[in-house]
């Protein structure tokens, strides 16, 4: 009886279409929820380091003195924790996957945020 079940399964597999897509020839379906890679906007980053603390794989490093933010693409698990916790929304998740990395998977971004000046207080005169 086992031989006939195996033959049935083999014939069904040979005569039906494949369940998966042929990836290099057919592009994968992408939706708005697809997680490709983390993108950083240095003009919005306030160097609060919340993303560094929330990263479960410790892929993010922040150097406040040098004003650099770096991510190790090999360590990043694309969990979206850093994007969700960023107070200024300088981090976002792109739907495109990153190109294969060469020897180093570390990307360094320069933080160019300039703190806006405080508005001057108007002194009221008492009458």
PDB file of N, CA and C in Angstrom:
ATOM      1  N   UNK A   1       0.820  -1.205   0.000  1.00  0.00           N
ATOM      2  CA  UNK A   1       0.000   0.000   0.000  1.00  0.00           C
ATOM      3  C   UNK A   1       0.860   1.263   0.000  1.00  0.00           C
ATOM      4  N   UNK A   2       2.048   1.207   0.671  1.00  0.00           N
ATOM      5  CA  UNK A   2       2.925   2.361   0.738  1.00  0.00           C
ATOM      6  C   UNK A   2       3.485   2.745  -0.621  1.00  0.00           C
ATOM      7  N   UNK A   3       3.700   1.758  -1.491  1.00  0.00           N
ATOM      8  CA  UNK A   3       4.242   2.026  -2.819  1.00  0.00           C
ATOM      9  C   UNK A   3       3.276   2.869  -3.639  1.00  0.00           C
ATOM     10  N   UNK A   4       1.965   2.570  -3.539  1.00  0.00           N
ATOM     11  CA  UNK A   4       0.972   3.306  -4.318  1.00  0.00           C
ATOM     12  C   UNK A   4       0.806   4.744  -3.827  1.00  0.00           C
ATOM     13  N   UNK A   5       0.935   4.950  -2.523  1.00  0.00           N
ATOM     14  CA  UNK A   5       0.872   6.316  -1.977  1.00  0.00           C
ATOM     15  C   UNK A   5       2.061   7.123  -2.460  1.00  0.00           C
ATOM     16  N   UNK A   6       3.244   6.507  -2.467  1.00  0.00           N
ATOM     17  CA  UNK A   6       4.440   7.201  -2.927  1.00  0.00           C
ATOM     18  C   UNK A   6       4.336   7.513  -4.419  1.00  0.00           C
ATOM     19  N   UNK A   7       3.817   6.605  -5.204  1.00  0.00           N
ATOM     20  CA  UNK A   7       3.654   6.819  -6.642  1.00  0.00           C
ATOM     21  C   UNK A   7       2.658   7.929  -6.901  1.00  0.00           C
ATOM     22  N   UNK A   8       1.567   7.959  -6.128  1.00  0.00           N
ATOM     23  CA  UNK A   8       0.556   9.014  -6.257  1.00  0.00           C
ATOM     24  C   UNK A   8       1.171  10.382  -5.964  1.00  0.00           C
ATOM     25  N   UNK A   9       1.963  10.476  -4.890  1.00  0.00           N
ATOM     26  CA  UNK A   9       2.613  11.733  -4.519  1.00  0.00           C
ATOM     27  C   UNK A   9       3.625  12.159  -5.577  1.00  0.00           C
ATOM     28  N   UNK A  10       4.392  11.219  -6.103  1.00  0.00           N
ATOM     29  CA  UNK A  10       5.400  11.536  -7.122  1.00  0.00           C
ATOM     30  C   UNK A  10       4.746  12.034  -8.399  1.00  0.00           C
ATOM     31  N   UNK A  11       3.675  11.386  -8.843  1.00  0.00           N
ATOM     32  CA  UNK A  11       2.982  11.823 -10.059  1.00  0.00           C
ATOM     33  C   UNK A  11       2.317  13.186  -9.872  1.00  0.00           C
ATOM     34  N   UNK A  12       1.753  13.414  -8.712  1.00  0.00           N
ATOM     35  CA  UNK A  12       1.112  14.702  -8.423  1.00  0.00           C
ATOM     36  C   UNK A  12       2.147  15.829  -8.449  1.00  0.00           C
ATOM     37  N   UNK A  13       3.329  15.549  -7.934  1.00  0.00           N
ATOM     38  CA  UNK A  13       4.397  16.546  -7.907  1.00  0.00           C
ATOM     39  C   UNK A  13       4.921  16.836  -9.312  1.00  0.00           C
ATOM     40  N   UNK A  14       5.063  15.816 -10.118  1.00  0.00           N
ATOM     41  CA  UNK A  14       5.615  15.979 -11.466  1.00  0.00           C
ATOM     42  C   UNK A  14       4.619  16.689 -12.380  1.00  0.00           C
ATOM     43  N   UNK A  15       3.343  16.425 -12.232  1.00  0.00           N
ATOM     44  CA  UNK A  15       2.342  16.965 -13.149  1.00  0.00           C
ATOM     45  C   UNK A  15       1.777  18.320 -12.731  1.00  0.00           C
ATOM     46  N   UNK A  16       2.055  18.802 -11.529  1.00  0.00           N
ATOM     47  CA  UNK A  16       1.509  20.089 -11.096  1.00  0.00           C
ATOM     48  C   UNK A  16       2.580  21.180 -11.188  1.00  0.00           C
ATOM     49  N   UNK A  17       2.115  22.425 -11.097  1.00  0.00           N
ATOM     50  CA  UNK A  17       3.033  23.567 -11.121  1.00  0.00           C
ATOM     51  C   UNK A  17       3.786  23.658  -9.804  1.00  0.00           C
ATOM     52  N   UNK A  18       4.960  24.278  -9.797  1.00  0.00           N
ATOM     53  CA  UNK A  18       5.687  24.412  -8.528  1.00  0.00           C
ATOM     54  C   UNK A  18       4.963  25.378  -7.585  1.00  0.00           C
ATOM     55  N   UNK A  19       5.080  25.114  -6.304  1.00  0.00           N
ATOM     56  CA  UNK A  19       4.420  25.936  -5.302  1.00  0.00           C
ATOM     57  C   UNK A  19       5.140  27.268  -5.125  1.00  0.00           C
ATOM     58  N   UNK A  20       6.450  27.258  -5.227  1.00  0.00           N
ATOM     59  CA  UNK A  20       7.235  28.470  -5.057  1.00  0.00           C
ATOM     60  C   UNK A  20       7.444  29.162  -6.395  1.00  0.00           C
ATOM     61  N   UNK A  21       7.891  30.422  -6.328  1.00  0.00           N
ATOM     62  CA  UNK A  21       8.183  31.148  -7.567  1.00  0.00           C
ATOM     63  C   UNK A  21       9.638  30.916  -7.954  1.00  0.00           C
ATOM     64  N   UNK A  22       9.951  31.114  -9.184  1.00  0.00           N
ATOM     65  CA  UNK A  22      11.325  31.014  -9.665  1.00  0.00           C
ATOM     66  C   UNK A  22      11.973  32.374  -9.450  1.00  0.00           C
ATOM     67  N   UNK A  23      12.594  32.567  -8.274  1.00  0.00           N
ATOM     68  CA  UNK A  23      12.978  33.891  -7.809  1.00  0.00           C
ATOM     69  C   UNK A  23      13.817  34.729  -8.777  1.00  0.00           C
ATOM     70  N   UNK A  24      14.911  34.296  -9.270  1.00  0.00           N
ATOM     71  CA  UNK A  24      15.663  35.253 -10.088  1.00  0.00           C
ATOM     72  C   UNK A  24      14.917  35.676 -11.355  1.00  0.00           C
ATOM     73  N   UNK A  25      14.037  34.835 -11.846  1.00  0.00           N
ATOM     74  CA  UNK A  25      13.341  35.134 -13.101  1.00  0.00           C
ATOM     75  C   UNK A  25      12.004  35.833 -12.867  1.00  0.00           C
ATOM     76  N   UNK A  26      11.363  35.563 -11.758  1.00  0.00           N
ATOM     77  CA  UNK A  26      10.109  36.221 -11.407  1.00  0.00           C
ATOM     78  C   UNK A  26      10.334  37.013 -10.127  1.00  0.00           C
ATOM     79  N   UNK A  27      10.093  38.317 -10.129  1.00  0.00           N
ATOM     80  CA  UNK A  27      10.321  39.086  -8.908  1.00  0.00           C
ATOM     81  C   UNK A  27       9.305  38.715  -7.824  1.00  0.00           C
ATOM     82  N   UNK A  28       9.752  38.822  -6.590  1.00  0.00           N
ATOM     83  CA  UNK A  28       8.881  38.524  -5.458  1.00  0.00           C
ATOM     84  C   UNK A  28       7.821  39.608  -5.314  1.00  0.00           C
ATOM     85  N   UNK A  29       6.669  39.242  -4.776  1.00  0.00           N
ATOM     86  CA  UNK A  29       5.600  40.216  -4.556  1.00  0.00           C
ATOM     87  C   UNK A  29       5.980  41.097  -3.376  1.00  0.00           C
ATOM     88  N   UNK A  30       5.818  42.401  -3.550  1.00  0.00           N
ATOM     89  CA  UNK A  30       6.131  43.338  -2.484  1.00  0.00           C
ATOM     90  C   UNK A  30       4.890  44.120  -2.131  1.00  0.00           C
ATOM     91  N   UNK A  31       4.667  44.267  -0.841  1.00  0.00           N
ATOM     92  CA  UNK A  31       3.536  45.050  -0.341  1.00  0.00           C
ATOM     93  C   UNK A  31       4.087  46.205   0.483  1.00  0.00           C
ATOM     94  N   UNK A  32       3.207  46.994   1.027  1.00  0.00           N
ATOM     95  CA  UNK A  32       3.651  48.109   1.871  1.00  0.00           C
ATOM     96  C   UNK A  32       4.210  47.604   3.199  1.00  0.00           C
ATOM     97  N   UNK A  33       3.943  46.355   3.552  1.00  0.00           N
ATOM     98  CA  UNK A  33       4.439  45.781   4.797  1.00  0.00           C
ATOM     99  C   UNK A  33       5.743  45.010   4.618  1.00  0.00           C
ATOM    100  N   UNK A  34       6.256  44.932   3.403  1.00  0.00           N
ATOM    101  CA  UNK A  34       7.496  44.212   3.143  1.00  0.00           C
ATOM    102  C   UNK A  34       8.653  44.929   3.824  1.00  0.00           C
ATOM    103  N   UNK A  35       9.481  44.169   4.524  1.00  0.00           N
ATOM    104  CA  UNK A  35      10.644  44.740   5.209  1.00  0.00           C
ATOM    105  C   UNK A  35      11.891  44.450   4.391  1.00  0.00           C
ATOM    106  N   UNK A  36      12.474  45.501   3.833  1.00  0.00           N
ATOM    107  CA  UNK A  36      13.674  45.339   3.026  1.00  0.00           C
ATOM    108  C   UNK A  36      14.925  45.679   3.802  1.00  0.00           C
ATOM    109  N   UNK A  37      15.098  46.939   4.155  1.00  0.00           N
ATOM    110  CA  UNK A  37      16.242  47.369   4.954  1.00  0.00           C
ATOM    111  C   UNK A  37      15.929  48.702   5.615  1.00  0.00           C
ATOM    112  N   UNK A  38      16.704  49.018   6.640  1.00  0.00           N
ATOM    113  CA  UNK A  38      16.511  50.255   7.404  1.00  0.00           C
ATOM    114  C   UNK A  38      17.199  51.403   6.678  1.00  0.00           C
ATOM    115  N   UNK A  39      16.488  52.539   6.583  1.00  0.00           N
ATOM    116  CA  UNK A  39      17.025  53.743   5.955  1.00  0.00           C
ATOM    117  C   UNK A  39      17.071  54.837   7.022  1.00  0.00           C
ATOM    118  N   UNK A  40      18.179  55.572   7.082  1.00  0.00           N
ATOM    119  CA  UNK A  40      18.349  56.618   8.080  1.00  0.00           C
ATOM    120  C   UNK A  40      18.456  57.975   7.420  1.00  0.00           C
ATOM    121  N   UNK A  41      17.743  58.967   7.979  1.00  0.00           N
ATOM    122  CA  UNK A  41      17.806  60.347   7.499  1.00  0.00           C
ATOM    123  C   UNK A  41      18.591  61.159   8.532  1.00  0.00           C
ATOM    124  N   UNK A  42      19.808  61.511   8.208  1.00  0.00           N
ATOM    125  CA  UNK A  42      20.686  62.204   9.144  1.00  0.00           C
ATOM    126  C   UNK A  42      20.252  63.609   9.498  1.00  0.00           C
ATOM    127  N   UNK A  43      19.403  64.217   8.690  1.00  0.00           N
ATOM    128  CA  UNK A  43      18.967  65.579   8.984  1.00  0.00           C
ATOM    129  C   UNK A  43      17.896  65.628  10.066  1.00  0.00           C
ATOM    130  N   UNK A  44      17.314  64.487  10.418  1.00  0.00           N
ATOM    131  CA  UNK A  44      16.281  64.449  11.463  1.00  0.00           C
ATOM    132  C   UNK A  44      16.774  63.826  12.766  1.00  0.00           C
ATOM    133  N   UNK A  45      17.898  63.121  12.735  1.00  0.00           N
ATOM    134  CA  UNK A  45      18.393  62.375  13.891  1.00  0.00           C
ATOM    135  C   UNK A  45      18.883  63.335  14.973  1.00  0.00           C
ATOM    136  N   UNK A  46      18.392  63.136  16.210  1.00  0.00           N
ATOM    137  CA  UNK A  46      18.783  63.993  17.336  1.00  0.00           C
ATOM    138  C   UNK A  46      19.765  63.286  18.267  1.00  0.00           C
ATOM    139  N   UNK A  47      20.288  62.149  17.870  1.00  0.00           N
ATOM    140  CA  UNK A  47      21.268  61.367  18.632  1.00  0.00           C
ATOM    141  C   UNK A  47      20.755  60.976  20.011  1.00  0.00           C
ATOM    142  N   UNK A  48      19.534  60.513  20.078  1.00  0.00           N
ATOM    143  CA  UNK A  48      18.945  60.131  21.366  1.00  0.00           C
ATOM    144  C   UNK A  48      19.349  58.723  21.788  1.00  0.00           C
ATOM    145  N   UNK A  49      19.817  57.901  20.874  1.00  0.00           N
ATOM    146  CA  UNK A  49      20.295  56.525  21.068  1.00  0.00           C
ATOM    147  C   UNK A  49      19.230  55.549  21.560  1.00  0.00           C
ATOM    148  N   UNK A  50      17.971  55.846  21.352  1.00  0.00           N
ATOM    149  CA  UNK A  50      16.908  54.894  21.690  1.00  0.00           C
ATOM    150  C   UNK A  50      16.964  53.700  20.745  1.00  0.00           C
ATOM    151  N   UNK A  51      17.279  53.942  19.493  1.00  0.00           N
ATOM    152  CA  UNK A  51      17.370  52.840  18.523  1.00  0.00           C
ATOM    153  C   UNK A  51      18.480  51.865  18.895  1.00  0.00           C
ATOM    154  N   UNK A  52      19.569  52.369  19.448  1.00  0.00           N
ATOM    155  CA  UNK A  52      20.687  51.516  19.855  1.00  0.00           C
ATOM    156  C   UNK A  52      20.259  50.608  21.006  1.00  0.00           C
ATOM    157  N   UNK A  53      19.508  51.162  21.950  1.00  0.00           N
ATOM    158  CA  UNK A  53      19.062  50.390  23.112  1.00  0.00           C
ATOM    159  C   UNK A  53      18.004  49.354  22.746  1.00  0.00           C
ATOM    160  N   UNK A  54      17.165  49.641  21.766  1.00  0.00           N
ATOM    161  CA  UNK A  54      16.069  48.744  21.402  1.00  0.00           C
ATOM    162  C   UNK A  54      16.459  47.682  20.377  1.00  0.00           C
ATOM    163  N   UNK A  55      17.614  47.792  19.756  1.00  0.00           N
ATOM    164  CA  UNK A  55      18.033  46.830  18.732  1.00  0.00           C
ATOM    165  C   UNK A  55      18.386  45.498  19.387  1.00  0.00           C
ATOM    166  N   UNK A  56      17.638  44.417  19.101  1.00  0.00           N
ATOM    167  CA  UNK A  56      17.903  43.138  19.760  1.00  0.00           C
ATOM    168  C   UNK A  56      19.199  42.469  19.302  1.00  0.00           C
ATOM    169  N   UNK A  57      19.663  42.766  18.111  1.00  0.00           N
ATOM    170  CA  UNK A  57      20.886  42.141  17.604  1.00  0.00           C
ATOM    171  C   UNK A  57      22.114  43.035  17.745  1.00  0.00           C
ATOM    172  N   UNK A  58      21.965  44.185  18.358  1.00  0.00           N
ATOM    173  CA  UNK A  58      23.049  45.152  18.577  1.00  0.00           C
ATOM    174  C   UNK A  58      23.770  45.490  17.279  1.00  0.00           C
ATOM    175  N   UNK A  59      22.983  45.772  16.246  1.00  0.00           N
ATOM    176  CA  UNK A  59      23.538  46.079  14.929  1.00  0.00           C
ATOM    177  C   UNK A  59      23.760  47.574  14.734  1.00  0.00           C
ATOM    178  N   UNK A  60      23.263  48.402  15.642  1.00  0.00           N
ATOM    179  CA  UNK A  60      23.346  49.856  15.476  1.00  0.00           C
ATOM    180  C   UNK A  60      24.340  50.432  16.472  1.00  0.00           C
ATOM    181  N   UNK A  61      25.201  51.325  15.993  1.00  0.00           N
ATOM    182  CA  UNK A  61      26.141  52.047  16.842  1.00  0.00           C
ATOM    183  C   UNK A  61      25.980  53.544  16.584  1.00  0.00           C
ATOM    184  N   UNK A  62      26.043  54.318  17.653  1.00  0.00           N
ATOM    185  CA  UNK A  62      25.913  55.773  17.553  1.00  0.00           C
ATOM    186  C   UNK A  62      27.118  56.403  18.215  1.00  0.00           C
ATOM    187  N   UNK A  63      27.813  57.255  17.490  1.00  0.00           N
ATOM    188  CA  UNK A  63      28.944  57.987  18.027  1.00  0.00           C
ATOM    189  C   UNK A  63      28.547  59.452  18.076  1.00  0.00           C
ATOM    190  N   UNK A  64      28.251  59.932  19.288  1.00  0.00           N
ATOM    191  CA  UNK A  64      27.764  61.309  19.426  1.00  0.00           C
ATOM    192  C   UNK A  64      28.860  62.335  19.180  1.00  0.00           C
ATOM    193  N   UNK A  65      30.097  62.002  19.537  1.00  0.00           N
ATOM    194  CA  UNK A  65      31.196  62.960  19.339  1.00  0.00           C
ATOM    195  C   UNK A  65      31.492  63.149  17.850  1.00  0.00           C
ATOM    196  N   UNK A  66      31.530  62.059  17.098  1.00  0.00           N
ATOM    197  CA  UNK A  66      31.833  62.135  15.664  1.00  0.00           C
ATOM    198  C   UNK A  66      30.585  62.400  14.827  1.00  0.00           C
ATOM    199  N   UNK A  67      29.411  62.390  15.461  1.00  0.00           N
ATOM    200  CA  UNK A  67      28.112  62.585  14.796  1.00  0.00           C
ATOM    201  C   UNK A  67      27.927  61.589  13.652  1.00  0.00           C
ATOM    202  N   UNK A  68      28.133  60.313  13.984  1.00  0.00           N
ATOM    203  CA  UNK A  68      27.920  59.255  12.998  1.00  0.00           C
ATOM    204  C   UNK A  68      26.968  58.208  13.568  1.00  0.00           C
ATOM    205  N   UNK A  69      26.197  57.631  12.695  1.00  0.00           N
ATOM    206  CA  UNK A  69      25.261  56.554  13.014  1.00  0.00           C
ATOM    207  C   UNK A  69      25.576  55.425  12.058  1.00  0.00           C
ATOM    208  N   UNK A  70      25.817  54.223  12.581  1.00  0.00           N
ATOM    209  CA  UNK A  70      26.177  53.134  11.685  1.00  0.00           C
ATOM    210  C   UNK A  70      25.356  51.893  11.995  1.00  0.00           C
ATOM    211  N   UNK A  71      25.120  51.122  10.938  1.00  0.00           N
ATOM    212  CA  UNK A  71      24.367  49.878  11.054  1.00  0.00           C
ATOM    213  C   UNK A  71      25.151  48.767  10.374  1.00  0.00           C
ATOM    214  N   UNK A  72      25.208  47.634  11.047  1.00  0.00           N
ATOM    215  CA  UNK A  72      25.861  46.451  10.492  1.00  0.00           C
ATOM    216  C   UNK A  72      24.778  45.612   9.820  1.00  0.00           C
ATOM    217  N   UNK A  73      24.775  45.554   8.515  1.00  0.00           N
ATOM    218  CA  UNK A  73      23.735  44.850   7.756  1.00  0.00           C
ATOM    219  C   UNK A  73      23.773  43.345   7.998  1.00  0.00           C
ATOM    220  N   UNK A  74      24.948  42.813   8.353  1.00  0.00           N
ATOM    221  CA  UNK A  74      25.043  41.379   8.625  1.00  0.00           C
ATOM    222  C   UNK A  74      24.391  41.012   9.952  1.00  0.00           C
ATOM    223  N   UNK A  75      24.391  41.921  10.900  1.00  0.00           N
ATOM    224  CA  UNK A  75      23.790  41.649  12.208  1.00  0.00           C
ATOM    225  C   UNK A  75      22.312  42.021  12.258  1.00  0.00           C
ATOM    226  N   UNK A  76      21.877  42.939  11.417  1.00  0.00           N
ATOM    227  CA  UNK A  76      20.496  43.416  11.435  1.00  0.00           C
ATOM    228  C   UNK A  76      19.543  42.286  11.037  1.00  0.00           C
ATOM    229  N   UNK A  77      18.503  42.076  11.843  1.00  0.00           N
ATOM    230  CA  UNK A  77      17.514  41.033  11.567  1.00  0.00           C
ATOM    231  C   UNK A  77      16.225  41.621  11.006  1.00  0.00           C
ATOM    232  N   UNK A  78      16.228  42.888  10.674  1.00  0.00           N
ATOM    233  CA  UNK A  78      15.102  43.604  10.054  1.00  0.00           C
ATOM    234  C   UNK A  78      13.825  43.384  10.870  1.00  0.00           C
ATOM    235  N   UNK A  79      13.923  43.646  12.171  1.00  0.00           N
ATOM    236  CA  UNK A  79      12.786  43.424  13.068  1.00  0.00           C
ATOM    237  C   UNK A  79      11.896  44.644  13.203  1.00  0.00           C
ATOM    238  N   UNK A  80      12.353  45.810  12.772  1.00  0.00           N
ATOM    239  CA  UNK A  80      11.570  47.040  12.780  1.00  0.00           C
ATOM    240  C   UNK A  80      11.489  47.691  14.163  1.00  0.00           C
ATOM    241  N   UNK A  81      12.220  47.209  15.158  1.00  0.00           N
ATOM    242  CA  UNK A  81      12.173  47.792  16.504  1.00  0.00           C
ATOM    243  C   UNK A  81      12.730  49.208  16.528  1.00  0.00           C
ATOM    244  N   UNK A  82      13.811  49.435  15.815  1.00  0.00           N
ATOM    245  CA  UNK A  82      14.423  50.763  15.805  1.00  0.00           C
ATOM    246  C   UNK A  82      13.511  51.783  15.126  1.00  0.00           C
ATOM    247  N   UNK A  83      12.826  51.357  14.083  1.00  0.00           N
ATOM    248  CA  UNK A  83      11.934  52.256  13.351  1.00  0.00           C
ATOM    249  C   UNK A  83      10.733  52.630  14.214  1.00  0.00           C
ATOM    250  N   UNK A  84      10.202  51.659  14.952  1.00  0.00           N
ATOM    251  CA  UNK A  84       9.033  51.910  15.797  1.00  0.00           C
ATOM    252  C   UNK A  84       9.341  52.820  16.975  1.00  0.00           C
ATOM    253  N   UNK A  85      10.552  52.764  17.508  1.00  0.00           N
ATOM    254  CA  UNK A  85      10.871  53.528  18.709  1.00  0.00           C
ATOM    255  C   UNK A  85      11.496  54.893  18.437  1.00  0.00           C
ATOM    256  N   UNK A  86      11.832  55.197  17.211  1.00  0.00           N
ATOM    257  CA  UNK A  86      12.487  56.476  16.900  1.00  0.00           C
ATOM    258  C   UNK A  86      11.508  57.634  17.120  1.00  0.00           C
ATOM    259  N   UNK A  87      11.829  58.578  18.023  1.00  0.00           N
ATOM    260  CA  UNK A  87      10.894  59.669  18.305  1.00  0.00           C
ATOM    261  C   UNK A  87      10.788  60.701  17.182  1.00  0.00           C
ATOM    262  N   UNK A  88      11.828  60.870  16.380  1.00  0.00           N
ATOM    263  CA  UNK A  88      11.799  61.878  15.322  1.00  0.00           C
ATOM    264  C   UNK A  88      11.482  61.285  13.955  1.00  0.00           C
ATOM    265  N   UNK A  89      11.281  59.985  13.882  1.00  0.00           N
ATOM    266  CA  UNK A  89      10.976  59.279  12.627  1.00  0.00           C
ATOM    267  C   UNK A  89      12.083  59.476  11.587  1.00  0.00           C
ATOM    268  N   UNK A  90      13.334  59.499  12.059  1.00  0.00           N
ATOM    269  CA  UNK A  90      14.447  59.593  11.105  1.00  0.00           C
ATOM    270  C   UNK A  90      14.786  58.230  10.519  1.00  0.00           C
ATOM    271  N   UNK A  91      14.289  57.164  11.135  1.00  0.00           N
ATOM    272  CA  UNK A  91      14.486  55.818  10.609  1.00  0.00           C
ATOM    273  C   UNK A  91      13.212  55.352   9.922  1.00  0.00           C
ATOM    274  N   UNK A  92      13.373  54.685   8.806  1.00  0.00           N
ATOM    275  CA  UNK A  92      12.226  54.132   8.091  1.00  0.00           C
ATOM    276  C   UNK A  92      12.628  52.793   7.485  1.00  0.00           C
ATOM    277  N   UNK A  93      11.619  52.006   7.135  1.00  0.00           N
ATOM    278  CA  UNK A  93      11.867  50.696   6.557  1.00  0.00           C
ATOM    279  C   UNK A  93      11.545  50.760   5.071  1.00  0.00           C
ATOM    280  N   UNK A  94      12.543  50.488   4.245  1.00  0.00           N
ATOM    281  CA  UNK A  94      12.361  50.494   2.804  1.00  0.00           C
ATOM    282  C   UNK A  94      11.901  49.107   2.356  1.00  0.00           C
ATOM    283  N   UNK A  95      11.090  49.041   1.309  1.00  0.00           N
ATOM    284  CA  UNK A  95      10.593  47.749   0.832  1.00  0.00           C
ATOM    285  C   UNK A  95      11.578  47.043  -0.079  1.00  0.00           C
ATOM    286  N   UNK A  96      12.612  47.727  -0.545  1.00  0.00           N
ATOM    287  CA  UNK A  96      13.613  47.117  -1.408  1.00  0.00           C
ATOM    288  C   UNK A  96      14.679  46.444  -0.544  1.00  0.00           C
ATOM    289  N   UNK A  97      15.127  45.277  -0.969  1.00  0.00           N
ATOM    290  CA  UNK A  97      16.194  44.595  -0.264  1.00  0.00           C
ATOM    291  C   UNK A  97      17.524  45.243  -0.623  1.00  0.00           C
ATOM    292  N   UNK A  98      18.487  45.134   0.267  1.00  0.00           N
ATOM    293  CA  UNK A  98      19.795  45.704  -0.015  1.00  0.00           C
ATOM    294  C   UNK A  98      20.551  44.802  -0.984  1.00  0.00           C
ATOM    295  N   UNK A  99      21.471  45.396  -1.692  1.00  0.00           N
ATOM    296  CA  UNK A  99      22.319  44.617  -2.594  1.00  0.00           C
ATOM    297  C   UNK A  99      23.243  43.747  -1.754  1.00  0.00           C
ATOM    298  N   UNK A 100      23.699  42.643  -2.285  1.00  0.00           N
ATOM    299  CA  UNK A 100      24.616  41.800  -1.516  1.00  0.00           C
ATOM    300  C   UNK A 100      25.856  42.584  -1.098  1.00  0.00           C
ATOM    301  N   UNK A 101      26.204  42.471   0.154  1.00  0.00           N
ATOM    302  CA  UNK A 101      27.338  43.220   0.688  1.00  0.00           C
ATOM    303  C   UNK A 101      28.639  42.525   0.324  1.00  0.00           C
ATOM    304  N   UNK A 102      29.673  43.313   0.219  1.00  0.00           N
ATOM    305  CA  UNK A 102      30.979  42.740  -0.095  1.00  0.00           C
ATOM    306  C   UNK A 102      31.622  42.239   1.204  1.00  0.00           C
ATOM    307  N   UNK A 103      32.776  42.704   1.525  1.00  0.00           N
ATOM    308  CA  UNK A 103      33.479  42.206   2.701  1.00  0.00           C
ATOM    309  C   UNK A 103      32.852  42.747   3.983  1.00  0.00           C
ATOM    310  N   UNK A 104      32.565  44.040   4.014  1.00  0.00           N
ATOM    311  CA  UNK A 104      31.982  44.637   5.205  1.00  0.00           C
ATOM    312  C   UNK A 104      30.537  45.006   4.940  1.00  0.00           C
ATOM    313  N   UNK A 105      29.688  44.732   5.897  1.00  0.00           N
ATOM    314  CA  UNK A 105      28.287  45.082   5.774  1.00  0.00           C
ATOM    315  C   UNK A 105      27.929  46.293   6.603  1.00  0.00           C
ATOM    316  N   UNK A 106      28.906  47.084   7.000  1.00  0.00           N
ATOM    317  CA  UNK A 106      28.670  48.238   7.859  1.00  0.00           C
ATOM    318  C   UNK A 106      28.464  49.475   7.000  1.00  0.00           C
ATOM    319  N   UNK A 107      27.338  50.162   7.246  1.00  0.00           N
ATOM    320  CA  UNK A 107      27.074  51.433   6.562  1.00  0.00           C
ATOM    321  C   UNK A 107      27.123  52.548   7.597  1.00  0.00           C
ATOM    322  N   UNK A 108      27.821  53.613   7.270  1.00  0.00           N
ATOM    323  CA  UNK A 108      27.978  54.744   8.179  1.00  0.00           C
ATOM    324  C   UNK A 108      27.254  55.940   7.590  1.00  0.00           C
ATOM    325  N   UNK A 109      26.433  56.593   8.434  1.00  0.00           N
ATOM    326  CA  UNK A 109      25.700  57.788   8.030  1.00  0.00           C
ATOM    327  C   UNK A 109      26.139  58.941   8.908  1.00  0.00           C
ATOM    328  N   UNK A 110      26.242  60.116   8.326  1.00  0.00           N
ATOM    329  CA  UNK A 110      26.608  61.314   9.068  1.00  0.00           C
ATOM    330  C   UNK A 110      25.339  62.018   9.533  1.00  0.00           C
ATOM    331  N   UNK A 111      25.341  62.420  10.799  1.00  0.00           N
ATOM    332  CA  UNK A 111      24.192  63.132  11.364  1.00  0.00           C
ATOM    333  C   UNK A 111      24.398  64.620  11.114  1.00  0.00           C
ATOM    334  N   UNK A 112      23.465  65.226  10.420  1.00  0.00           N
ATOM    335  CA  UNK A 112      23.590  66.643  10.068  1.00  0.00           C
ATOM    336  C   UNK A 112      22.509  67.489  10.728  1.00  0.00           C
ATOM    337  N   UNK A 113      21.872  66.965  11.757  1.00  0.00           N
ATOM    338  CA  UNK A 113      20.793  67.681  12.437  1.00  0.00           C
ATOM    339  C   UNK A 113      21.338  68.926  13.114  1.00  0.00           C
ATOM    340  N   UNK A 114      20.677  70.041  12.914  1.00  0.00           N
ATOM    341  CA  UNK A 114      21.031  71.296  13.568  1.00  0.00           C
ATOM    342  C   UNK A 114      19.872  71.660  14.479  1.00  0.00           C
ATOM    343  N   UNK A 115      20.173  71.826  15.747  1.00  0.00           N
ATOM    344  CA  UNK A 115      19.137  72.144  16.724  1.00  0.00           C
ATOM    345  C   UNK A 115      18.600  73.543  16.445  1.00  0.00           C
ATOM    346  N   UNK A 116      17.267  73.664  16.303  1.00  0.00           N
ATOM    347  CA  UNK A 116      16.710  74.985  16.019  1.00  0.00           C
ATOM    348  C   UNK A 116      16.865  75.909  17.224  1.00  0.00           C
ATOM    349  N   UNK A 117      17.040  77.206  16.970  1.00  0.00           N
ATOM    350  CA  UNK A 117      17.196  78.144  18.100  1.00  0.00           C
ATOM    351  C   UNK A 117      15.886  78.275  18.870  1.00  0.00           C
ATOM    352  N   UNK A 118      16.040  78.515  20.163  1.00  0.00           N
ATOM    353  CA  UNK A 118      14.853  78.696  20.998  1.00  0.00           C
ATOM    354  C   UNK A 118      14.219  80.047  20.677  1.00  0.00           C
ATOM    355  N   UNK A 119      12.892  80.076  20.638  1.00  0.00           N
ATOM    356  CA  UNK A 119      12.248  81.363  20.390  1.00  0.00           C
ATOM    357  C   UNK A 119      12.446  82.299  21.580  1.00  0.00           C
ATOM    358  N   UNK A 120      12.630  83.542  21.263  1.00  0.00           N
ATOM    359  CA  UNK A 120      12.843  84.533  22.323  1.00  0.00           C
ATOM    360  C   UNK A 120      11.542  84.790  23.057  1.00  0.00           C
ATOM    361  N   UNK A 121      11.673  84.932  24.370  1.00  0.00           N
ATOM    362  CA  UNK A 121      10.487  85.205  25.181  1.00  0.00           C
ATOM    363  C   UNK A 121      10.178  86.698  25.112  1.00  0.00           C
ATOM    364  N   UNK A 122       8.928  86.960  24.929  1.00  0.00           N
ATOM    365  CA  UNK A 122       8.500  88.361  24.905  1.00  0.00           C
ATOM    366  C   UNK A 122       8.170  88.782  26.325  1.00  0.00           C
ATOM    367  N   UNK A 123       8.794  89.858  26.713  1.00  0.00           N
ATOM    368  CA  UNK A 123       8.518  90.354  28.047  1.00  0.00           C
ATOM    369  C   UNK A 123       7.299  91.275  27.994  1.00  0.00           C
ATOM    370  N   UNK A 124       6.392  91.005  28.894  1.00  0.00           N
ATOM    371  CA  UNK A 124       5.169  91.831  28.943  1.00  0.00           C
ATOM    372  C   UNK A 124       5.371  92.975  29.903  1.00  0.00           C
ATOM    373  N   UNK A 125       4.901  94.110  29.524  1.00  0.00           N
ATOM    374  CA  UNK A 125       5.002  95.281  30.408  1.00  0.00           C
ATOM    375  C   UNK A 125       3.721  95.395  31.214  1.00  0.00           C
ATOM    376  N   UNK A 126       3.880  95.713  32.476  1.00  0.00           N
ATOM    377  CA  UNK A 126       2.718  95.853  33.340  1.00  0.00           C
ATOM    378  C   UNK A 126       2.201  97.272  33.257  1.00  0.00           C
ATOM    379  N   UNK A 127       0.943  97.383  33.077  1.00  0.00           N
ATOM    380  CA  UNK A 127       0.353  98.721  32.991  1.00  0.00           C
ATOM    381  C   UNK A 127      -0.492  99.020  34.169  1.00  0.00           C
TER     382      UNK A 127
END
